């Protein structure tokens, strides 16, 4: 049979298979049933202030009774200094008729402008009921999970922004830096009345390392050309970490400098 005829037969067979609703064979997991960390690695900046849940899940049918696992903690991150465990220490449970359990931690922000990292290594040690395995397969995939804490700069983190007294605050404004000298602020327009509507407007400022800040002259891309140049200054409250910025509009004399304040979340 020629190659051309062979190809025609293959195409015809494929067409008939589509008409008949052919499906690939489904692979059904039959065990062994086990528990494991959902993610083997995760990370966050130390300035992240929300609770963090590390999930452990059951691979297999849900059980009518709770599943209890013991775990150990290792690594160079220091409990009580770099992080704290909010859930029960050393024990994580999957409730009856559910598939997930959680270890809850919170990071402690002790930023000092030294950018390094620390690891928390969680290892599942035991499980009840004992018919469940720990980790997937011979290599026990998911038995261990490593959470990396990346150091942040002193002013880095999430803030709530406050404008004039009659404006609504804005949450989840982020300040980031790669060198702890030049910082990027994600939004400084805290519902300022000089604008018709609130728009996210970012800027760059520099830390002078004496509780004062400098906003170098820069162009605000959301403003028209004859109003776009801004600059300014700021201060940092060394006790609370509160940041106050005063923004000047270089090109427009009749717009007063705008003052906005940012408080850590």
C-alpha atoms as a PDB file:
ATOM      1  CA  UNK A   1       0.000   0.000   0.000  1.00  0.00           C
ATOM      2  CA  UNK A   2       1.346   3.425  -0.920  1.00  0.00           C
ATOM      3  CA  UNK A   3       2.156   6.021   1.745  1.00  0.00           C
ATOM      4  CA  UNK A   4      -0.606   8.264   0.376  1.00  0.00           C
ATOM      5  CA  UNK A   5      -3.228   5.555   0.868  1.00  0.00           C
ATOM      6  CA  UNK A   6      -1.899   4.862   4.352  1.00  0.00           C
ATOM      7  CA  UNK A   7      -2.287   8.531   5.321  1.00  0.00           C
ATOM      8  CA  UNK A   8      -5.828   8.517   3.942  1.00  0.00           C
ATOM      9  CA  UNK A   9      -6.726   5.499   6.070  1.00  0.00           C
ATOM     10  CA  UNK A  10      -5.261   7.180   9.184  1.00  0.00           C
ATOM     11  CA  UNK A  11      -7.252  10.361   8.564  1.00  0.00           C
ATOM     12  CA  UNK A  12     -10.430   8.380   7.926  1.00  0.00           C
ATOM     13  CA  UNK A  13      -9.959   6.375  11.116  1.00  0.00           C
ATOM     14  CA  UNK A  14      -9.413   9.544  13.133  1.00  0.00           C
ATOM     15  CA  UNK A  15     -12.563  11.085  11.632  1.00  0.00           C
ATOM     16  CA  UNK A  16     -14.648   8.019  12.498  1.00  0.00           C
ATOM     17  CA  UNK A  17     -13.231   8.029  16.013  1.00  0.00           C
ATOM     18  CA  UNK A  18     -14.373  11.651  16.472  1.00  0.00           C
ATOM     19  CA  UNK A  19     -17.844  10.754  15.225  1.00  0.00           C
ATOM     20  CA  UNK A  20     -18.032   7.827  17.623  1.00  0.00           C
ATOM     21  CA  UNK A  21     -16.978  10.004  20.553  1.00  0.00           C
ATOM     22  CA  UNK A  22     -13.668   8.227  21.180  1.00  0.00           C
ATOM     23  CA  UNK A  23     -11.934   9.373  24.375  1.00  0.00           C
ATOM     24  CA  UNK A  24      -8.450   8.669  25.668  1.00  0.00           C
ATOM     25  CA  UNK A  25      -8.303   6.137  28.458  1.00  0.00           C
ATOM     26  CA  UNK A  26      -8.744   7.838  31.824  1.00  0.00           C
ATOM     27  CA  UNK A  27      -6.101   7.129  34.410  1.00  0.00           C
ATOM     28  CA  UNK A  28      -7.592   6.693  37.873  1.00  0.00           C
ATOM     29  CA  UNK A  29      -5.318   7.042  40.905  1.00  0.00           C
ATOM     30  CA  UNK A  30      -5.606   3.880  43.005  1.00  0.00           C
ATOM     31  CA  UNK A  31      -3.064   4.587  45.693  1.00  0.00           C
ATOM     32  CA  UNK A  32      -1.289   4.314  47.899  1.00  0.00           C
ATOM     33  CA  UNK A  33      -3.311   7.052  49.577  1.00  0.00           C
ATOM     34  CA  UNK A  34      -1.130   9.583  51.322  1.00  0.00           C
ATOM     35  CA  UNK A  35      -0.793  13.038  52.830  1.00  0.00           C
ATOM     36  CA  UNK A  36       1.636  15.671  51.625  1.00  0.00           C
ATOM     37  CA  UNK A  37       2.415  19.370  51.581  1.00  0.00           C
ATOM     38  CA  UNK A  38       0.586  20.961  48.681  1.00  0.00           C
ATOM     39  CA  UNK A  39       3.616  23.076  47.789  1.00  0.00           C
ATOM     40  CA  UNK A  40       7.207  22.001  48.345  1.00  0.00           C
ATOM     41  CA  UNK A  41       8.456  25.604  48.275  1.00  0.00           C
ATOM     42  CA  UNK A  42       7.027  29.067  48.902  1.00  0.00           C
ATOM     43  CA  UNK A  43       8.390  32.486  49.847  1.00  0.00           C
ATOM     44  CA  UNK A  44       7.452  36.001  50.899  1.00  0.00           C
ATOM     45  CA  UNK A  45       9.068  39.264  51.976  1.00  0.00           C
ATOM     46  CA  UNK A  46       9.420  39.719  55.728  1.00  0.00           C
ATOM     47  CA  UNK A  47       7.287  42.871  55.492  1.00  0.00           C
ATOM     48  CA  UNK A  48       4.234  40.820  54.457  1.00  0.00           C
ATOM     49  CA  UNK A  49       1.885  41.326  57.401  1.00  0.00           C
ATOM     50  CA  UNK A  50      -0.989  38.931  56.676  1.00  0.00           C
ATOM     51  CA  UNK A  51      -1.275  35.413  58.078  1.00  0.00           C
ATOM     52  CA  UNK A  52       0.201  32.740  55.802  1.00  0.00           C
ATOM     53  CA  UNK A  53      -1.371  29.285  55.483  1.00  0.00           C
ATOM     54  CA  UNK A  54       0.772  26.340  54.407  1.00  0.00           C
ATOM     55  CA  UNK A  55      -1.546  23.594  53.224  1.00  0.00           C
ATOM     56  CA  UNK A  56      -1.283  19.847  53.679  1.00  0.00           C
ATOM     57  CA  UNK A  57      -3.698  17.707  51.693  1.00  0.00           C
ATOM     58  CA  UNK A  58      -4.997  14.176  51.469  1.00  0.00           C
ATOM     59  CA  UNK A  59      -4.407  12.365  48.196  1.00  0.00           C
ATOM     60  CA  UNK A  60      -7.295   9.910  48.203  1.00  0.00           C
ATOM     61  CA  UNK A  61     -10.940   9.724  49.264  1.00  0.00           C
ATOM     62  CA  UNK A  62     -12.018  11.932  52.144  1.00  0.00           C
ATOM     63  CA  UNK A  63     -12.223  10.173  55.516  1.00  0.00           C
ATOM     64  CA  UNK A  64     -15.117  10.151  57.950  1.00  0.00           C
ATOM     65  CA  UNK A  65     -12.666  10.775  60.793  1.00  0.00           C
ATOM     66  CA  UNK A  66     -10.073  13.537  61.137  1.00  0.00           C
ATOM     67  CA  UNK A  67      -6.507  12.971  59.960  1.00  0.00           C
ATOM     68  CA  UNK A  68      -3.814  14.144  62.350  1.00  0.00           C
ATOM     69  CA  UNK A  69      -0.179  14.665  61.372  1.00  0.00           C
ATOM     70  CA  UNK A  70       2.862  15.590  63.379  1.00  0.00           C
ATOM     71  CA  UNK A  71       5.564  17.789  61.904  1.00  0.00           C
ATOM     72  CA  UNK A  72       8.992  19.148  62.776  1.00  0.00           C
ATOM     73  CA  UNK A  73      10.573  22.529  62.020  1.00  0.00           C
ATOM     74  CA  UNK A  74      14.187  23.110  60.976  1.00  0.00           C
ATOM     75  CA  UNK A  75      16.079  25.718  58.958  1.00  0.00           C
ATOM     76  CA  UNK A  76      17.966  28.898  59.790  1.00  0.00           C
ATOM     77  CA  UNK A  77      14.905  31.122  60.305  1.00  0.00           C
ATOM     78  CA  UNK A  78      14.423  31.879  64.014  1.00  0.00           C
ATOM     79  CA  UNK A  79      11.038  31.369  65.608  1.00  0.00           C
ATOM     80  CA  UNK A  80      10.032  34.403  67.643  1.00  0.00           C
ATOM     81  CA  UNK A  81      12.465  36.608  65.702  1.00  0.00           C
ATOM     82  CA  UNK A  82      11.788  35.926  62.017  1.00  0.00           C
ATOM     83  CA  UNK A  83       8.358  34.270  62.297  1.00  0.00           C
ATOM     84  CA  UNK A  84       5.780  32.831  64.669  1.00  0.00           C
ATOM     85  CA  UNK A  85       3.541  29.764  64.381  1.00  0.00           C
ATOM     86  CA  UNK A  86      -0.097  30.697  65.013  1.00  0.00           C
ATOM     87  CA  UNK A  87      -1.656  27.239  64.673  1.00  0.00           C
ATOM     88  CA  UNK A  88      -1.004  24.337  67.051  1.00  0.00           C
ATOM     89  CA  UNK A  89       2.734  23.771  67.258  1.00  0.00           C
ATOM     90  CA  UNK A  90       3.869  20.448  65.789  1.00  0.00           C
ATOM     91  CA  UNK A  91       0.367  19.233  64.851  1.00  0.00           C
ATOM     92  CA  UNK A  92      -1.731  19.771  61.719  1.00  0.00           C
ATOM     93  CA  UNK A  93      -5.149  18.235  61.152  1.00  0.00           C
ATOM     94  CA  UNK A  94      -7.385  17.581  58.180  1.00  0.00           C
ATOM     95  CA  UNK A  95     -10.972  17.680  59.496  1.00  0.00           C
ATOM     96  CA  UNK A  96     -13.347  14.794  58.829  1.00  0.00           C
ATOM     97  CA  UNK A  97     -14.845  14.805  55.326  1.00  0.00           C
ATOM     98  CA  UNK A  98     -12.336  17.364  54.107  1.00  0.00           C
ATOM     99  CA  UNK A  99      -9.116  17.217  52.117  1.00  0.00           C
ATOM    100  CA  UNK A 100      -6.963  20.063  53.440  1.00  0.00           C
ATOM    101  CA  UNK A 101      -5.346  21.128  56.685  1.00  0.00           C
ATOM    102  CA  UNK A 102      -3.197  24.180  57.388  1.00  0.00           C
ATOM    103  CA  UNK A 103      -0.155  25.320  59.322  1.00  0.00           C
ATOM    104  CA  UNK A 104      -0.554  29.056  59.941  1.00  0.00           C
ATOM    105  CA  UNK A 105       2.425  31.351  60.400  1.00  0.00           C
ATOM    106  CA  UNK A 106       3.046  35.094  60.525  1.00  0.00           C
ATOM    107  CA  UNK A 107       6.301  36.776  59.547  1.00  0.00           C
ATOM    108  CA  UNK A 108       8.031  39.215  61.886  1.00  0.00           C
ATOM    109  CA  UNK A 109       9.373  42.314  60.187  1.00  0.00           C
ATOM    110  CA  UNK A 110      12.801  43.066  61.632  1.00  0.00           C
ATOM    111  CA  UNK A 111      14.147  44.834  58.547  1.00  0.00           C
ATOM    112  CA  UNK A 112      17.589  46.378  58.926  1.00  0.00           C
ATOM    113  CA  UNK A 113      18.498  47.093  55.279  1.00  0.00           C
ATOM    114  CA  UNK A 114      20.617  43.919  55.112  1.00  0.00           C
ATOM    115  CA  UNK A 115      19.081  41.903  52.288  1.00  0.00           C
ATOM    116  CA  UNK A 116      19.482  38.194  52.969  1.00  0.00           C
ATOM    117  CA  UNK A 117      17.065  35.280  53.367  1.00  0.00           C
ATOM    118  CA  UNK A 118      16.143  32.592  55.895  1.00  0.00           C
ATOM    119  CA  UNK A 119      14.408  29.233  55.466  1.00  0.00           C
ATOM    120  CA  UNK A 120      11.766  27.463  57.535  1.00  0.00           C
ATOM    121  CA  UNK A 121      11.772  23.750  56.720  1.00  0.00           C
ATOM    122  CA  UNK A 122       8.604  21.833  57.657  1.00  0.00           C
ATOM    123  CA  UNK A 123       8.717  18.021  57.619  1.00  0.00           C
ATOM    124  CA  UNK A 124       5.774  15.682  58.143  1.00  0.00           C
ATOM    125  CA  UNK A 125       6.855  13.035  60.658  1.00  0.00           C
ATOM    126  CA  UNK A 126       3.784  10.928  61.451  1.00  0.00           C
ATOM    127  CA  UNK A 127       0.154  10.442  60.459  1.00  0.00           C
ATOM    128  CA  UNK A 128      -2.970   8.907  61.957  1.00  0.00           C
ATOM    129  CA  UNK A 129      -4.740   6.794  60.659  1.00  0.00           C
ATOM    130  CA  UNK A 130      -1.571   4.810  60.077  1.00  0.00           C
ATOM    131  CA  UNK A 131      -2.770   3.246  56.817  1.00  0.00           C
ATOM    132  CA  UNK A 132      -1.937   6.534  55.091  1.00  0.00           C
ATOM    133  CA  UNK A 133       1.528   7.089  53.686  1.00  0.00           C
ATOM    134  CA  UNK A 134       3.509  10.321  54.062  1.00  0.00           C
ATOM    135  CA  UNK A 135       4.621  11.862  50.796  1.00  0.00           C
ATOM    136  CA  UNK A 136       4.101  10.620  47.280  1.00  0.00           C
ATOM    137  CA  UNK A 137       5.959   7.545  46.042  1.00  0.00           C
ATOM    138  CA  UNK A 138       9.311   6.123  47.041  1.00  0.00           C
ATOM    139  CA  UNK A 139      10.908   9.580  47.008  1.00  0.00           C
ATOM    140  CA  UNK A 140       8.219  10.886  49.403  1.00  0.00           C
ATOM    141  CA  UNK A 141       7.419  13.963  47.322  1.00  0.00           C
ATOM    142  CA  UNK A 142       5.713  16.587  49.477  1.00  0.00           C
ATOM    143  CA  UNK A 143       6.909  15.241  52.822  1.00  0.00           C
ATOM    144  CA  UNK A 144       8.936  18.435  53.247  1.00  0.00           C
ATOM    145  CA  UNK A 145       8.097  22.046  52.452  1.00  0.00           C
ATOM    146  CA  UNK A 146      10.546  24.956  52.602  1.00  0.00           C
ATOM    147  CA  UNK A 147       9.297  28.484  53.207  1.00  0.00           C
ATOM    148  CA  UNK A 148      11.857  31.203  52.422  1.00  0.00           C
ATOM    149  CA  UNK A 149      11.683  34.588  54.130  1.00  0.00           C
ATOM    150  CA  UNK A 150      13.331  37.316  52.087  1.00  0.00           C
ATOM    151  CA  UNK A 151      14.621  40.308  54.003  1.00  0.00           C
ATOM    152  CA  UNK A 152      13.067  43.638  53.094  1.00  0.00           C
ATOM    153  CA  UNK A 153      14.269  47.207  53.352  1.00  0.00           C
ATOM    154  CA  UNK A 154      13.281  49.230  56.411  1.00  0.00           C
ATOM    155  CA  UNK A 155      10.651  51.257  54.558  1.00  0.00           C
ATOM    156  CA  UNK A 156       9.418  48.394  52.386  1.00  0.00           C
ATOM    157  CA  UNK A 157       6.002  46.837  52.870  1.00  0.00           C
ATOM    158  CA  UNK A 158       2.248  47.415  52.618  1.00  0.00           C
ATOM    159  CA  UNK A 159       0.693  50.674  53.787  1.00  0.00           C
ATOM    160  CA  UNK A 160      -2.632  52.441  54.080  1.00  0.00           C
ATOM    161  CA  UNK A 161      -2.566  55.908  52.509  1.00  0.00           C
ATOM    162  CA  UNK A 162      -4.309  58.944  53.999  1.00  0.00           C
ATOM    163  CA  UNK A 163      -4.998  62.201  52.161  1.00  0.00           C
ATOM    164  CA  UNK A 164      -6.830  65.286  53.429  1.00  0.00           C
ATOM    165  CA  UNK A 165      -9.140  64.709  56.398  1.00  0.00           C
ATOM    166  CA  UNK A 166     -12.303  64.438  54.303  1.00  0.00           C
ATOM    167  CA  UNK A 167     -10.964  61.791  51.893  1.00  0.00           C
ATOM    168  CA  UNK A 168     -11.248  58.013  52.069  1.00  0.00           C
ATOM    169  CA  UNK A 169      -8.030  56.108  52.931  1.00  0.00           C
ATOM    170  CA  UNK A 170      -6.647  53.592  50.433  1.00  0.00           C
ATOM    171  CA  UNK A 171      -5.248  50.228  51.561  1.00  0.00           C
ATOM    172  CA  UNK A 172      -2.615  47.887  50.138  1.00  0.00           C
ATOM    173  CA  UNK A 173      -0.278  50.565  48.822  1.00  0.00           C
ATOM    174  CA  UNK A 174       3.136  48.996  48.395  1.00  0.00           C
ATOM    175  CA  UNK A 175       6.611  50.425  48.857  1.00  0.00           C
ATOM    176  CA  UNK A 176       9.490  48.406  47.403  1.00  0.00           C
ATOM    177  CA  UNK A 177      13.227  48.805  46.918  1.00  0.00           C
ATOM    178  CA  UNK A 178      16.108  46.812  45.479  1.00  0.00           C
ATOM    179  CA  UNK A 179      18.871  48.677  47.299  1.00  0.00           C
ATOM    180  CA  UNK A 180      17.189  50.257  50.393  1.00  0.00           C
ATOM    181  CA  UNK A 181      18.064  53.709  49.083  1.00  0.00           C
ATOM    182  CA  UNK A 182      15.736  54.322  46.144  1.00  0.00           C
ATOM    183  CA  UNK A 183      12.116  53.320  46.787  1.00  0.00           C
ATOM    184  CA  UNK A 184       9.107  52.852  44.518  1.00  0.00           C
ATOM    185  CA  UNK A 185       5.704  53.946  45.881  1.00  0.00           C
ATOM    186  CA  UNK A 186       2.788  52.303  44.054  1.00  0.00           C
ATOM    187  CA  UNK A 187       0.281  55.138  44.587  1.00  0.00           C
ATOM    188  CA  UNK A 188       0.362  58.645  46.060  1.00  0.00           C
ATOM    189  CA  UNK A 189      -3.031  59.913  44.860  1.00  0.00           C
ATOM    190  CA  UNK A 190      -5.061  59.261  48.014  1.00  0.00           C
ATOM    191  CA  UNK A 191      -8.329  60.646  46.647  1.00  0.00           C
ATOM    192  CA  UNK A 192      -6.749  64.086  46.402  1.00  0.00           C
ATOM    193  CA  UNK A 193      -9.377  66.793  45.760  1.00  0.00           C
ATOM    194  CA  UNK A 194      -7.190  68.568  43.169  1.00  0.00           C
ATOM    195  CA  UNK A 195      -8.027  65.763  40.738  1.00  0.00           C
ATOM    196  CA  UNK A 196     -11.469  64.998  39.354  1.00  0.00           C
ATOM    197  CA  UNK A 197     -11.082  61.313  40.135  1.00  0.00           C
ATOM    198  CA  UNK A 198      -8.628  59.129  42.009  1.00  0.00           C
ATOM    199  CA  UNK A 199      -6.044  57.423  39.804  1.00  0.00           C
ATOM    200  CA  UNK A 200      -3.090  55.279  40.786  1.00  0.00           C
ATOM    201  CA  UNK A 201      -0.039  57.511  40.425  1.00  0.00           C
ATOM    202  CA  UNK A 202       3.359  56.146  41.429  1.00  0.00           C
ATOM    203  CA  UNK A 203       6.604  57.869  42.258  1.00  0.00           C
ATOM    204  CA  UNK A 204      10.184  57.281  43.310  1.00  0.00           C
ATOM    205  CA  UNK A 205      11.693  58.660  46.517  1.00  0.00           C
ATOM    206  CA  UNK A 206      15.092  58.385  48.171  1.00  0.00           C
ATOM    207  CA  UNK A 207      15.867  57.616  51.802  1.00  0.00           C
ATOM    208  CA  UNK A 208      18.378  60.113  53.215  1.00  0.00           C
ATOM    209  CA  UNK A 209      19.004  57.806  56.229  1.00  0.00           C
ATOM    210  CA  UNK A 210      18.232  60.593  58.706  1.00  0.00           C
ATOM    211  CA  UNK A 211      14.429  60.149  58.847  1.00  0.00           C
ATOM    212  CA  UNK A 212      14.018  62.484  55.878  1.00  0.00           C
ATOM    213  CA  UNK A 213      13.115  61.603  52.301  1.00  0.00           C
ATOM    214  CA  UNK A 214      13.640  63.273  48.938  1.00  0.00           C
ATOM    215  CA  UNK A 215      11.307  62.986  45.962  1.00  0.00           C
ATOM    216  CA  UNK A 216      13.589  63.761  43.002  1.00  0.00           C
ATOM    217  CA  UNK A 217      12.154  65.644  40.057  1.00  0.00           C
ATOM    218  CA  UNK A 218      10.257  63.206  37.835  1.00  0.00           C
ATOM    219  CA  UNK A 219       7.448  63.039  35.309  1.00  0.00           C
ATOM    220  CA  UNK A 220       4.020  61.771  36.371  1.00  0.00           C
ATOM    221  CA  UNK A 221       2.784  59.808  33.347  1.00  0.00           C
ATOM    222  CA  UNK A 222      -0.926  60.176  34.198  1.00  0.00           C
ATOM    223  CA  UNK A 223      -0.837  63.991  34.008  1.00  0.00           C
ATOM    224  CA  UNK A 224      -0.751  66.237  30.965  1.00  0.00           C
ATOM    225  CA  UNK A 225       2.669  67.470  29.925  1.00  0.00           C
ATOM    226  CA  UNK A 226       2.328  70.981  31.354  1.00  0.00           C
ATOM    227  CA  UNK A 227       1.454  69.570  34.812  1.00  0.00           C
ATOM    228  CA  UNK A 228       3.492  66.372  34.851  1.00  0.00           C
ATOM    229  CA  UNK A 229       6.698  67.369  36.631  1.00  0.00           C
ATOM    230  CA  UNK A 230       6.649  66.636  40.357  1.00  0.00           C
ATOM    231  CA  UNK A 231       9.166  66.683  43.186  1.00  0.00           C
ATOM    232  CA  UNK A 232       9.041  66.941  46.947  1.00  0.00           C
ATOM    233  CA  UNK A 233      10.212  65.798  50.338  1.00  0.00           C
ATOM    234  CA  UNK A 234       9.152  63.608  53.216  1.00  0.00           C
ATOM    235  CA  UNK A 235       9.748  62.518  56.774  1.00  0.00           C
ATOM    236  CA  UNK A 236       9.667  59.184  58.575  1.00  0.00           C
ATOM    237  CA  UNK A 237       8.451  58.832  62.152  1.00  0.00           C
ATOM    238  CA  UNK A 238      11.180  56.623  63.696  1.00  0.00           C
ATOM    239  CA  UNK A 239       8.814  55.309  66.378  1.00  0.00           C
ATOM    240  CA  UNK A 240       5.806  54.342  64.262  1.00  0.00           C
ATOM    241  CA  UNK A 241       7.329  54.039  60.784  1.00  0.00           C
ATOM    242  CA  UNK A 242       4.682  56.461  59.478  1.00  0.00           C
ATOM    243  CA  UNK A 243       5.726  58.172  56.249  1.00  0.00           C
ATOM    244  CA  UNK A 244       4.572  61.678  55.285  1.00  0.00           C
ATOM    245  CA  UNK A 245       5.247  62.983  51.775  1.00  0.00           C
ATOM    246  CA  UNK A 246       4.756  66.483  50.419  1.00  0.00           C
ATOM    247  CA  UNK A 247       4.443  66.560  46.639  1.00  0.00           C
ATOM    248  CA  UNK A 248       5.042  69.724  44.638  1.00  0.00           C
ATOM    249  CA  UNK A 249       3.834  70.427  41.104  1.00  0.00           C
ATOM    250  CA  UNK A 250       6.771  72.134  39.447  1.00  0.00           C
ATOM    251  CA  UNK A 251       4.985  73.306  36.291  1.00  0.00           C
ATOM    252  CA  UNK A 252       1.842  74.747  37.914  1.00  0.00           C
ATOM    253  CA  UNK A 253       2.064  77.649  40.344  1.00  0.00           C
ATOM    254  CA  UNK A 254      -1.592  77.696  41.429  1.00  0.00           C
ATOM    255  CA  UNK A 255      -1.650  74.096  42.711  1.00  0.00           C
ATOM    256  CA  UNK A 256      -0.655  73.899  46.352  1.00  0.00           C
ATOM    257  CA  UNK A 257       1.754  71.128  47.429  1.00  0.00           C
ATOM    258  CA  UNK A 258      -0.161  68.012  48.450  1.00  0.00           C
ATOM    259  CA  UNK A 259       0.592  66.133  51.671  1.00  0.00           C
ATOM    260  CA  UNK A 260      -0.163  62.425  52.033  1.00  0.00           C
ATOM    261  CA  UNK A 261       0.580  60.035  54.896  1.00  0.00           C
ATOM    262  CA  UNK A 262       1.238  56.292  54.844  1.00  0.00           C
ATOM    263  CA  UNK A 263       0.798  53.997  57.840  1.00  0.00           C
ATOM    264  CA  UNK A 264       1.939  50.379  57.954  1.00  0.00           C
ATOM    265  CA  UNK A 265      -0.791  47.775  57.718  1.00  0.00           C
END
